[in-house]
């Protein structure tokens, strides 16, 4: 496994980050534990989740699964760079969502309880909140850092202008600001190259690509009749890009590599 700095920080993370969105709704607790164990054995030290993940099992389910895995061996926490997120609705309560200072504080405390840890390494703002001034957000995250509950702040699904705004307000406060942006980015979806990635370069943010295999489109054909790649959604998307994907599959065959390996290597 190769490691690189997370943005402009001195923190080293594995080039591959294990996303856990499907832990619970698609992957059983036992299977999730097995995936985590294999990832650590392969050298992955970067694990990403979000407080909302859980699907039909309910928000917070995925964080709770991770918490149970950490509880099996307390030494695991020290070896993992742990990332989670805040913003999405956690209940019907009008204030149990968004990026108000109140919700950021309460959501962080709830994530810590579910994860069973005393701090989060990378706390990510899951989406922009147009009603929340960056000054309010920085006030809340500064407080969490001072309390030792989070170490770094990142963003997710932010447009380029918001990354710039966050960076400029952080500079005024003489704060570190955002250190990473988690964005939709893969060989099929490359709009991040227009403004998001240039903004990240300008302000020193690392880029964490989510959906690197485009929901399975870049993973090749699946022999599993019940797998995610056999869903109606993926089948429809594959049919719409049949010629493009066929050329990609031929390229991978010429290289002697799997489709997923090539897609990840490109990223």
C-alpha atoms as a PDB file:
ATOM      1  CA  UNK A   1       0.000   0.000   0.000  1.00  0.00           C
ATOM      2  CA  UNK A   2       1.193   3.503  -0.795  1.00  0.00           C
ATOM      3  CA  UNK A   3       0.517   6.460   1.505  1.00  0.00           C
ATOM      4  CA  UNK A   4       0.278  10.160   0.866  1.00  0.00           C
ATOM      5  CA  UNK A   5      -0.355  13.334   2.818  1.00  0.00           C
ATOM      6  CA  UNK A   6      -3.975  14.341   3.338  1.00  0.00           C
ATOM      7  CA  UNK A   7      -4.021  17.671   1.544  1.00  0.00           C
ATOM      8  CA  UNK A   8      -1.498  20.099   3.022  1.00  0.00           C
ATOM      9  CA  UNK A   9      -1.466  18.350   6.410  1.00  0.00           C
ATOM     10  CA  UNK A  10       1.323  16.119   7.711  1.00  0.00           C
ATOM     11  CA  UNK A  11      -1.157  13.250   8.188  1.00  0.00           C
ATOM     12  CA  UNK A  12      -0.424  10.148   6.080  1.00  0.00           C
ATOM     13  CA  UNK A  13      -3.338   8.164   4.684  1.00  0.00           C
ATOM     14  CA  UNK A  14      -3.487   5.158   2.378  1.00  0.00           C
ATOM     15  CA  UNK A  15      -4.134   5.962  -1.270  1.00  0.00           C
ATOM     16  CA  UNK A  16      -7.239   3.801  -1.005  1.00  0.00           C
ATOM     17  CA  UNK A  17      -9.909   4.940   1.447  1.00  0.00           C
ATOM     18  CA  UNK A  18     -12.507   2.373   2.528  1.00  0.00           C
ATOM     19  CA  UNK A  19     -16.001   3.789   2.140  1.00  0.00           C
ATOM     20  CA  UNK A  20     -18.654   2.199   4.362  1.00  0.00           C
ATOM     21  CA  UNK A  21     -21.967   3.552   3.051  1.00  0.00           C
ATOM     22  CA  UNK A  22     -23.259   0.032   2.345  1.00  0.00           C
ATOM     23  CA  UNK A  23     -22.377  -1.363   5.778  1.00  0.00           C
ATOM     24  CA  UNK A  24     -25.730  -2.393   7.207  1.00  0.00           C
ATOM     25  CA  UNK A  25     -28.261  -1.847   4.402  1.00  0.00           C
ATOM     26  CA  UNK A  26     -26.361  -3.977   1.838  1.00  0.00           C
ATOM     27  CA  UNK A  27     -23.573  -5.677   3.793  1.00  0.00           C
ATOM     28  CA  UNK A  28     -24.279  -7.587   7.002  1.00  0.00           C
ATOM     29  CA  UNK A  29     -22.430  -6.812  10.216  1.00  0.00           C
ATOM     30  CA  UNK A  30     -20.313  -9.964   9.854  1.00  0.00           C
ATOM     31  CA  UNK A  31     -19.457  -9.183   6.234  1.00  0.00           C
ATOM     32  CA  UNK A  32     -18.645  -5.592   7.169  1.00  0.00           C
ATOM     33  CA  UNK A  33     -16.254  -6.805   9.865  1.00  0.00           C
ATOM     34  CA  UNK A  34     -14.578  -9.130   7.343  1.00  0.00           C
ATOM     35  CA  UNK A  35     -14.163  -6.281   4.828  1.00  0.00           C
ATOM     36  CA  UNK A  36     -12.645  -4.049   7.504  1.00  0.00           C
ATOM     37  CA  UNK A  37     -10.258  -6.785   8.577  1.00  0.00           C
ATOM     38  CA  UNK A  38      -9.118  -7.460   5.011  1.00  0.00           C
ATOM     39  CA  UNK A  39      -8.674  -3.729   4.376  1.00  0.00           C
ATOM     40  CA  UNK A  40      -6.434  -3.278   7.415  1.00  0.00           C
ATOM     41  CA  UNK A  41      -4.421  -6.374   6.476  1.00  0.00           C
ATOM     42  CA  UNK A  42      -3.843  -4.883   3.016  1.00  0.00           C
ATOM     43  CA  UNK A  43      -2.532  -1.657   4.535  1.00  0.00           C
ATOM     44  CA  UNK A  44      -5.597   0.582   4.277  1.00  0.00           C
ATOM     45  CA  UNK A  45      -5.602   2.952   7.254  1.00  0.00           C
ATOM     46  CA  UNK A  46      -8.279   5.399   6.054  1.00  0.00           C
ATOM     47  CA  UNK A  47     -11.968   4.617   6.750  1.00  0.00           C
ATOM     48  CA  UNK A  48     -14.825   6.933   5.779  1.00  0.00           C
ATOM     49  CA  UNK A  49     -18.424   6.946   6.964  1.00  0.00           C
ATOM     50  CA  UNK A  50     -21.253   9.406   7.701  1.00  0.00           C
ATOM     51  CA  UNK A  51     -23.781   9.849  10.480  1.00  0.00           C
ATOM     52  CA  UNK A  52     -26.681   9.434   8.048  1.00  0.00           C
ATOM     53  CA  UNK A  53     -25.555   6.117   6.564  1.00  0.00           C
ATOM     54  CA  UNK A  54     -27.839   3.203   7.339  1.00  0.00           C
ATOM     55  CA  UNK A  55     -30.474   3.169   4.609  1.00  0.00           C
ATOM     56  CA  UNK A  56     -33.630   1.288   5.519  1.00  0.00           C
ATOM     57  CA  UNK A  57     -32.061   0.230   8.832  1.00  0.00           C
ATOM     58  CA  UNK A  58     -32.064   3.836   9.998  1.00  0.00           C
ATOM     59  CA  UNK A  59     -29.588   6.688  10.218  1.00  0.00           C
ATOM     60  CA  UNK A  60     -26.571   5.979  12.378  1.00  0.00           C
ATOM     61  CA  UNK A  61     -26.556   2.232  11.659  1.00  0.00           C
ATOM     62  CA  UNK A  62     -23.253   2.268   9.779  1.00  0.00           C
ATOM     63  CA  UNK A  63     -21.457   4.253  12.479  1.00  0.00           C
ATOM     64  CA  UNK A  64     -22.788   1.780  15.058  1.00  0.00           C
ATOM     65  CA  UNK A  65     -21.376  -1.162  13.073  1.00  0.00           C
ATOM     66  CA  UNK A  66     -17.985   0.532  12.998  1.00  0.00           C
ATOM     67  CA  UNK A  67     -18.289   1.143  16.733  1.00  0.00           C
ATOM     68  CA  UNK A  68     -18.835  -2.567  17.357  1.00  0.00           C
ATOM     69  CA  UNK A  69     -15.794  -3.398  15.225  1.00  0.00           C
ATOM     70  CA  UNK A  70     -13.597  -0.975  17.175  1.00  0.00           C
ATOM     71  CA  UNK A  71     -14.914  -2.429  20.449  1.00  0.00           C
ATOM     72  CA  UNK A  72     -13.645  -5.900  19.494  1.00  0.00           C
ATOM     73  CA  UNK A  73     -10.050  -4.638  19.612  1.00  0.00           C
ATOM     74  CA  UNK A  74      -9.328  -1.212  21.089  1.00  0.00           C
ATOM     75  CA  UNK A  75      -5.969  -1.157  19.325  1.00  0.00           C
ATOM     76  CA  UNK A  76      -7.751  -0.824  15.996  1.00  0.00           C
ATOM     77  CA  UNK A  77      -8.723   2.781  16.657  1.00  0.00           C
ATOM     78  CA  UNK A  78      -5.115   3.930  16.903  1.00  0.00           C
ATOM     79  CA  UNK A  79      -4.301   2.413  13.505  1.00  0.00           C
ATOM     80  CA  UNK A  80      -7.237   3.975  11.653  1.00  0.00           C
ATOM     81  CA  UNK A  81      -7.658   7.506  10.316  1.00  0.00           C
ATOM     82  CA  UNK A  82     -11.402   7.811  10.934  1.00  0.00           C
ATOM     83  CA  UNK A  83     -13.624  10.146   8.916  1.00  0.00           C
ATOM     84  CA  UNK A  84     -17.332  10.835   9.276  1.00  0.00           C
ATOM     85  CA  UNK A  85     -19.751  13.553   8.190  1.00  0.00           C
ATOM     86  CA  UNK A  86     -22.432  15.964   9.371  1.00  0.00           C
ATOM     87  CA  UNK A  87     -25.297  17.758   7.613  1.00  0.00           C
ATOM     88  CA  UNK A  88     -28.014  15.304   6.558  1.00  0.00           C
ATOM     89  CA  UNK A  89     -31.341  15.005   8.449  1.00  0.00           C
ATOM     90  CA  UNK A  90     -31.079  12.679  11.434  1.00  0.00           C
ATOM     91  CA  UNK A  91     -34.738  12.965  12.517  1.00  0.00           C
ATOM     92  CA  UNK A  92     -37.881  14.970  11.804  1.00  0.00           C
ATOM     93  CA  UNK A  93     -36.679  17.710  14.168  1.00  0.00           C
ATOM     94  CA  UNK A  94     -36.228  20.944  12.217  1.00  0.00           C
ATOM     95  CA  UNK A  95     -32.855  21.573  13.882  1.00  0.00           C
ATOM     96  CA  UNK A  96     -31.544  18.009  13.621  1.00  0.00           C
ATOM     97  CA  UNK A  97     -29.884  18.711  10.266  1.00  0.00           C
ATOM     98  CA  UNK A  98     -27.759  21.254   8.450  1.00  0.00           C
ATOM     99  CA  UNK A  99     -24.661  23.087   9.608  1.00  0.00           C
ATOM    100  CA  UNK A 100     -25.826  25.293  12.439  1.00  0.00           C
ATOM    101  CA  UNK A 101     -23.305  25.480  15.282  1.00  0.00           C
ATOM    102  CA  UNK A 102     -25.867  23.767  17.517  1.00  0.00           C
ATOM    103  CA  UNK A 103     -26.370  20.830  15.175  1.00  0.00           C
ATOM    104  CA  UNK A 104     -22.666  20.397  14.449  1.00  0.00           C
ATOM    105  CA  UNK A 105     -21.957  20.096  18.182  1.00  0.00           C
ATOM    106  CA  UNK A 106     -24.851  17.716  18.872  1.00  0.00           C
ATOM    107  CA  UNK A 107     -24.213  15.590  15.762  1.00  0.00           C
ATOM    108  CA  UNK A 108     -20.530  15.204  16.614  1.00  0.00           C
ATOM    109  CA  UNK A 109     -21.340  14.052  20.147  1.00  0.00           C
ATOM    110  CA  UNK A 110     -23.857  11.534  18.751  1.00  0.00           C
ATOM    111  CA  UNK A 111     -21.335  10.199  16.211  1.00  0.00           C
ATOM    112  CA  UNK A 112     -18.729   9.752  18.942  1.00  0.00           C
ATOM    113  CA  UNK A 113     -21.219   7.701  20.979  1.00  0.00           C
ATOM    114  CA  UNK A 114     -22.173   5.467  18.065  1.00  0.00           C
ATOM    115  CA  UNK A 115     -18.553   4.980  16.995  1.00  0.00           C
ATOM    116  CA  UNK A 116     -17.451   4.376  20.572  1.00  0.00           C
ATOM    117  CA  UNK A 117     -14.416   6.642  20.199  1.00  0.00           C
ATOM    118  CA  UNK A 118     -13.212   9.813  21.876  1.00  0.00           C
ATOM    119  CA  UNK A 119     -12.280  11.704  18.715  1.00  0.00           C
ATOM    120  CA  UNK A 120     -12.833  11.835  14.949  1.00  0.00           C
ATOM    121  CA  UNK A 121      -9.805  12.426  12.762  1.00  0.00           C
ATOM    122  CA  UNK A 122     -11.563  14.051   9.795  1.00  0.00           C
ATOM    123  CA  UNK A 123     -14.965  15.671  10.359  1.00  0.00           C
ATOM    124  CA  UNK A 124     -16.573  16.447   7.007  1.00  0.00           C
ATOM    125  CA  UNK A 125     -19.342  18.885   6.142  1.00  0.00           C
ATOM    126  CA  UNK A 126     -21.509  16.562   4.019  1.00  0.00           C
ATOM    127  CA  UNK A 127     -23.136  19.283   1.875  1.00  0.00           C
ATOM    128  CA  UNK A 128     -23.229  23.059   1.808  1.00  0.00           C
ATOM    129  CA  UNK A 129     -25.831  24.759   4.002  1.00  0.00           C
ATOM    130  CA  UNK A 130     -26.723  28.067   2.355  1.00  0.00           C
ATOM    131  CA  UNK A 131     -28.337  29.325   5.544  1.00  0.00           C
ATOM    132  CA  UNK A 132     -25.217  28.800   7.687  1.00  0.00           C
ATOM    133  CA  UNK A 133     -22.492  31.488   7.524  1.00  0.00           C
ATOM    134  CA  UNK A 134     -18.973  30.080   7.309  1.00  0.00           C
ATOM    135  CA  UNK A 135     -18.143  32.074  10.446  1.00  0.00           C
ATOM    136  CA  UNK A 136     -20.749  30.045  12.359  1.00  0.00           C
ATOM    137  CA  UNK A 137     -19.409  26.786  10.972  1.00  0.00           C
ATOM    138  CA  UNK A 138     -15.812  27.687  11.844  1.00  0.00           C
ATOM    139  CA  UNK A 139     -16.883  28.714  15.333  1.00  0.00           C
ATOM    140  CA  UNK A 140     -18.470  25.293  15.856  1.00  0.00           C
ATOM    141  CA  UNK A 141     -15.557  23.279  14.437  1.00  0.00           C
ATOM    142  CA  UNK A 142     -12.987  25.384  16.333  1.00  0.00           C
ATOM    143  CA  UNK A 143     -14.831  24.503  19.517  1.00  0.00           C
ATOM    144  CA  UNK A 144     -14.810  20.786  18.677  1.00  0.00           C
ATOM    145  CA  UNK A 145     -11.086  20.924  17.955  1.00  0.00           C
ATOM    146  CA  UNK A 146     -10.478  22.724  21.253  1.00  0.00           C
ATOM    147  CA  UNK A 147     -12.506  20.023  23.017  1.00  0.00           C
ATOM    148  CA  UNK A 148     -10.352  17.324  21.405  1.00  0.00           C
ATOM    149  CA  UNK A 149     -13.367  15.780  19.641  1.00  0.00           C
ATOM    150  CA  UNK A 150     -12.149  16.329  16.073  1.00  0.00           C
ATOM    151  CA  UNK A 151      -8.718  16.903  14.548  1.00  0.00           C
ATOM    152  CA  UNK A 152      -9.281  18.108  10.979  1.00  0.00           C
ATOM    153  CA  UNK A 153     -12.238  19.547   9.038  1.00  0.00           C
ATOM    154  CA  UNK A 154     -13.147  18.519   5.506  1.00  0.00           C
ATOM    155  CA  UNK A 155     -15.999  19.065   3.087  1.00  0.00           C
ATOM    156  CA  UNK A 156     -18.022  16.830   0.805  1.00  0.00           C
ATOM    157  CA  UNK A 157     -20.012  17.712  -2.312  1.00  0.00           C
ATOM    158  CA  UNK A 158     -18.912  21.356  -2.070  1.00  0.00           C
ATOM    159  CA  UNK A 159     -18.793  23.453  -5.259  1.00  0.00           C
ATOM    160  CA  UNK A 160     -15.595  25.306  -6.069  1.00  0.00           C
ATOM    161  CA  UNK A 161     -16.917  28.690  -4.935  1.00  0.00           C
ATOM    162  CA  UNK A 162     -17.783  27.326  -1.492  1.00  0.00           C
ATOM    163  CA  UNK A 163     -14.325  25.790  -1.081  1.00  0.00           C
ATOM    164  CA  UNK A 164     -12.878  29.215  -1.913  1.00  0.00           C
ATOM    165  CA  UNK A 165     -15.217  30.979   0.521  1.00  0.00           C
ATOM    166  CA  UNK A 166     -14.346  28.514   3.270  1.00  0.00           C
ATOM    167  CA  UNK A 167     -10.660  29.003   2.564  1.00  0.00           C
ATOM    168  CA  UNK A 168     -10.808  32.790   2.629  1.00  0.00           C
ATOM    169  CA  UNK A 169     -12.785  32.941   5.884  1.00  0.00           C
ATOM    170  CA  UNK A 170     -10.358  30.472   7.467  1.00  0.00           C
ATOM    171  CA  UNK A 171      -7.406  32.644   6.421  1.00  0.00           C
ATOM    172  CA  UNK A 172      -9.013  35.659   8.111  1.00  0.00           C
ATOM    173  CA  UNK A 173      -9.390  33.579  11.290  1.00  0.00           C
ATOM    174  CA  UNK A 174      -5.778  32.340  10.928  1.00  0.00           C
ATOM    175  CA  UNK A 175      -7.134  28.797  11.028  1.00  0.00           C
ATOM    176  CA  UNK A 176      -6.110  25.685   9.099  1.00  0.00           C
ATOM    177  CA  UNK A 177      -9.496  25.511   7.359  1.00  0.00           C
ATOM    178  CA  UNK A 178     -10.620  22.644   5.135  1.00  0.00           C
ATOM    179  CA  UNK A 179      -7.993  19.984   4.474  1.00  0.00           C
ATOM    180  CA  UNK A 180      -9.949  17.678   2.133  1.00  0.00           C
ATOM    181  CA  UNK A 181     -12.952  17.605  -0.194  1.00  0.00           C
ATOM    182  CA  UNK A 182     -14.845  14.388  -0.875  1.00  0.00           C
ATOM    183  CA  UNK A 183     -16.333  14.684  -4.343  1.00  0.00           C
ATOM    184  CA  UNK A 184     -18.086  12.573  -6.961  1.00  0.00           C
ATOM    185  CA  UNK A 185     -15.274  11.771  -9.390  1.00  0.00           C
ATOM    186  CA  UNK A 186     -14.582   8.881 -11.735  1.00  0.00           C
ATOM    187  CA  UNK A 187     -13.830   8.159 -15.397  1.00  0.00           C
ATOM    188  CA  UNK A 188     -17.482   8.764 -16.298  1.00  0.00           C
ATOM    189  CA  UNK A 189     -18.250  11.744 -14.017  1.00  0.00           C
ATOM    190  CA  UNK A 190     -15.452  14.308 -14.399  1.00  0.00           C
ATOM    191  CA  UNK A 191     -17.170  17.649 -13.748  1.00  0.00           C
ATOM    192  CA  UNK A 192     -15.067  18.059 -10.587  1.00  0.00           C
ATOM    193  CA  UNK A 193     -12.182  18.919 -12.928  1.00  0.00           C
ATOM    194  CA  UNK A 194     -13.887  22.189 -13.924  1.00  0.00           C
ATOM    195  CA  UNK A 195     -13.868  24.070 -10.615  1.00  0.00           C
ATOM    196  CA  UNK A 196     -13.732  21.729  -7.597  1.00  0.00           C
ATOM    197  CA  UNK A 197     -10.281  20.218  -8.184  1.00  0.00           C
ATOM    198  CA  UNK A 198      -8.711  23.569  -9.200  1.00  0.00           C
ATOM    199  CA  UNK A 199     -10.110  25.103  -5.989  1.00  0.00           C
ATOM    200  CA  UNK A 200      -8.689  22.191  -3.977  1.00  0.00           C
ATOM    201  CA  UNK A 201      -5.272  22.716  -5.569  1.00  0.00           C
ATOM    202  CA  UNK A 202      -5.384  26.449  -4.821  1.00  0.00           C
ATOM    203  CA  UNK A 203      -6.325  26.006  -1.157  1.00  0.00           C
ATOM    204  CA  UNK A 204      -4.338  22.836  -0.466  1.00  0.00           C
ATOM    205  CA  UNK A 205      -7.185  20.332  -0.038  1.00  0.00           C
ATOM    206  CA  UNK A 206      -6.788  16.631  -0.648  1.00  0.00           C
ATOM    207  CA  UNK A 207      -9.418  15.099  -2.951  1.00  0.00           C
ATOM    208  CA  UNK A 208     -11.279  11.966  -1.837  1.00  0.00           C
ATOM    209  CA  UNK A 209     -13.215  10.514  -4.766  1.00  0.00           C
ATOM    210  CA  UNK A 210     -16.546   8.905  -3.949  1.00  0.00           C
ATOM    211  CA  UNK A 211     -18.190   6.416  -6.319  1.00  0.00           C
ATOM    212  CA  UNK A 212     -14.832   5.703  -7.992  1.00  0.00           C
ATOM    213  CA  UNK A 213     -16.409   2.854  -9.987  1.00  0.00           C
ATOM    214  CA  UNK A 214     -19.509   4.881 -10.962  1.00  0.00           C
ATOM    215  CA  UNK A 215     -21.868   2.670  -8.992  1.00  0.00           C
ATOM    216  CA  UNK A 216     -20.426  -0.447 -10.616  1.00  0.00           C
ATOM    217  CA  UNK A 217     -20.405   0.732 -14.248  1.00  0.00           C
ATOM    218  CA  UNK A 218     -16.600   0.714 -14.278  1.00  0.00           C
ATOM    219  CA  UNK A 219     -16.301  -2.632 -12.506  1.00  0.00           C
ATOM    220  CA  UNK A 220     -17.068  -4.794 -15.525  1.00  0.00           C
ATOM    221  CA  UNK A 221     -19.699  -7.498 -15.806  1.00  0.00           C
ATOM    222  CA  UNK A 222     -20.697  -9.277 -12.606  1.00  0.00           C
ATOM    223  CA  UNK A 223     -21.144 -13.055 -12.361  1.00  0.00           C
ATOM    224  CA  UNK A 224     -23.323 -12.506  -9.282  1.00  0.00           C
ATOM    225  CA  UNK A 225     -26.965 -12.632 -10.342  1.00  0.00           C
ATOM    226  CA  UNK A 226     -28.074 -10.789  -7.213  1.00  0.00           C
ATOM    227  CA  UNK A 227     -25.249  -8.253  -7.003  1.00  0.00           C
ATOM    228  CA  UNK A 228     -25.551  -4.491  -7.118  1.00  0.00           C
ATOM    229  CA  UNK A 229     -24.368  -4.429 -10.737  1.00  0.00           C
ATOM    230  CA  UNK A 230     -27.473  -6.436 -11.699  1.00  0.00           C
ATOM    231  CA  UNK A 231     -29.878  -3.771 -10.391  1.00  0.00           C
ATOM    232  CA  UNK A 232     -32.272  -2.084 -12.832  1.00  0.00           C
ATOM    233  CA  UNK A 233     -30.548   1.246 -12.236  1.00  0.00           C
ATOM    234  CA  UNK A 234     -27.095  -0.035 -13.179  1.00  0.00           C
ATOM    235  CA  UNK A 235     -28.445  -2.063 -16.104  1.00  0.00           C
ATOM    236  CA  UNK A 236     -30.156   1.043 -17.508  1.00  0.00           C
ATOM    237  CA  UNK A 237     -27.040   3.167 -17.060  1.00  0.00           C
ATOM    238  CA  UNK A 238     -24.865   0.487 -18.672  1.00  0.00           C
ATOM    239  CA  UNK A 239     -27.214   0.250 -21.674  1.00  0.00           C
ATOM    240  CA  UNK A 240     -26.996   4.021 -22.155  1.00  0.00           C
ATOM    241  CA  UNK A 241     -23.199   3.884 -22.263  1.00  0.00           C
ATOM    242  CA  UNK A 242     -22.827   0.497 -23.934  1.00  0.00           C
ATOM    243  CA  UNK A 243     -20.435   1.610 -26.704  1.00  0.00           C
ATOM    244  CA  UNK A 244     -18.283   3.694 -24.359  1.00  0.00           C
ATOM    245  CA  UNK A 245     -18.027   0.912 -21.777  1.00  0.00           C
ATOM    246  CA  UNK A 246     -17.262  -1.670 -24.461  1.00  0.00           C
ATOM    247  CA  UNK A 247     -14.251   0.401 -25.576  1.00  0.00           C
ATOM    248  CA  UNK A 248     -13.149   0.698 -21.942  1.00  0.00           C
ATOM    249  CA  UNK A 249     -13.460  -3.069 -21.431  1.00  0.00           C
ATOM    250  CA  UNK A 250     -11.352  -3.671 -24.557  1.00  0.00           C
ATOM    251  CA  UNK A 251      -8.685  -1.286 -23.237  1.00  0.00           C
ATOM    252  CA  UNK A 252      -8.592  -3.123 -19.902  1.00  0.00           C
ATOM    253  CA  UNK A 253      -8.329  -6.469 -21.681  1.00  0.00           C
ATOM    254  CA  UNK A 254      -5.378  -5.155 -23.743  1.00  0.00           C
ATOM    255  CA  UNK A 255      -3.711  -4.033 -20.513  1.00  0.00           C
ATOM    256  CA  UNK A 256      -4.383  -7.401 -18.915  1.00  0.00           C
ATOM    257  CA  UNK A 257      -6.080  -5.733 -15.952  1.00  0.00           C
ATOM    258  CA  UNK A 258      -9.600  -5.777 -14.503  1.00  0.00           C
ATOM    259  CA  UNK A 259     -11.900  -2.845 -15.230  1.00  0.00           C
ATOM    260  CA  UNK A 260     -12.040  -1.841 -11.596  1.00  0.00           C
ATOM    261  CA  UNK A 261      -8.233  -1.896 -11.243  1.00  0.00           C
ATOM    262  CA  UNK A 262      -7.816   0.403 -14.245  1.00  0.00           C
ATOM    263  CA  UNK A 263     -10.519   2.808 -13.051  1.00  0.00           C
ATOM    264  CA  UNK A 264      -8.949   3.059  -9.604  1.00  0.00           C
ATOM    265  CA  UNK A 265      -5.446   3.400 -11.037  1.00  0.00           C
ATOM    266  CA  UNK A 266      -6.636   6.316 -13.210  1.00  0.00           C
ATOM    267  CA  UNK A 267      -7.999   8.074 -10.135  1.00  0.00           C
END
